[in-house]
Protein backbone atom coordinates (compact mmCIF):
# COMPACT_ATOMS: atom_id res chain seq x y z
CA MET A 1 -0.16 0.01 -0.26
CA LYS A 2 1.27 3.24 -0.88
CA SER A 3 2.56 5.55 2.08
CA GLY A 4 -0.07 8.28 2.16
CA SER A 5 -3.15 6.96 0.86
CA PRO A 6 -6.12 7.22 3.01
CA PRO A 7 -6.37 4.82 5.65
CA GLU A 8 -9.99 3.84 4.40
CA ILE A 9 -8.56 2.92 0.46
CA GLY A 10 -6.17 0.70 2.83
CA GLU A 11 -9.01 -1.49 4.96
CA SER A 12 -10.89 -1.76 1.63
CA ILE A 13 -8.40 -3.31 0.05
CA ARG A 14 -7.27 -5.38 3.13
CA GLY A 15 -11.00 -6.60 2.87
CA MET A 16 -11.03 -7.64 -0.57
CA ILE A 17 -7.99 -9.73 0.75
CA ARG A 18 -8.72 -14.01 2.14
CA LEU A 19 -6.25 -13.32 4.67
CA GLY A 20 -6.95 -10.57 5.42
CA ARG A 21 -3.44 -8.72 5.49
CA TYR A 22 -0.93 -7.82 3.05
CA GLY A 23 2.05 -10.30 1.97
CA GLN A 24 5.23 -9.76 3.26
CA PRO A 25 8.27 -10.64 1.83
CA GLU A 26 8.55 -13.82 3.31
CA ASP A 27 5.53 -15.03 1.84
CA ILE A 28 7.06 -14.61 -1.33
CA ALA A 29 10.35 -16.17 -0.20
CA ALA A 30 8.30 -19.36 0.84
CA ALA A 31 6.54 -20.28 -2.48
CA THR A 32 9.92 -18.85 -4.28
CA ALA A 33 11.64 -21.85 -1.81
CA PHE A 34 8.81 -23.93 -2.25
CA LEU A 35 9.25 -24.52 -6.17
CA PRO A 36 12.77 -26.09 -6.62
CA SER A 37 12.26 -28.19 -2.99
CA PRO A 38 11.36 -32.14 -3.41
CA ASP A 39 7.48 -31.07 -2.45
CA GLY A 40 7.41 -28.42 -5.46
CA ASP A 41 9.04 -31.79 -8.10
CA HIS A 42 5.22 -31.80 -9.63
CA VAL A 43 5.03 -28.15 -10.09
CA LEU A 44 5.50 -27.57 -13.78
CA GLY A 45 5.34 -24.59 -16.27
CA VAL A 46 3.00 -22.40 -13.86
CA THR A 47 3.80 -19.15 -12.34
CA PRO A 48 1.89 -19.28 -8.70
CA PRO A 49 -0.05 -16.51 -7.60
CA VAL A 50 0.79 -15.39 -4.35
CA THR A 51 -2.21 -13.27 -3.51
CA GLY A 52 -3.49 -14.23 -0.24
CA GLY A 53 -6.55 -15.08 -1.77
CA GLN A 54 -7.37 -11.80 -3.00
CA PHE A 55 -7.90 -13.57 -6.54
CA GLY A 56 -9.88 -16.77 -5.83
CA GLY A 57 -13.07 -15.88 -5.36
CA MET A 58 -14.98 -13.59 -3.24
CA GLY A 59 -18.12 -16.88 -2.91
């Protein structure tokens, strides 16, 4: 969130994120570390979204 934006804008955007919080660098690092790990062996040819559920539907 851009600093200096009205707090209600930030709250509105945060309300659209299923986890209820903005992502942190550690969230990206965890997804990045997963892909080359043995657990990520069958994840090929995709760019996994790290959105906190923001674009996963609101239903």
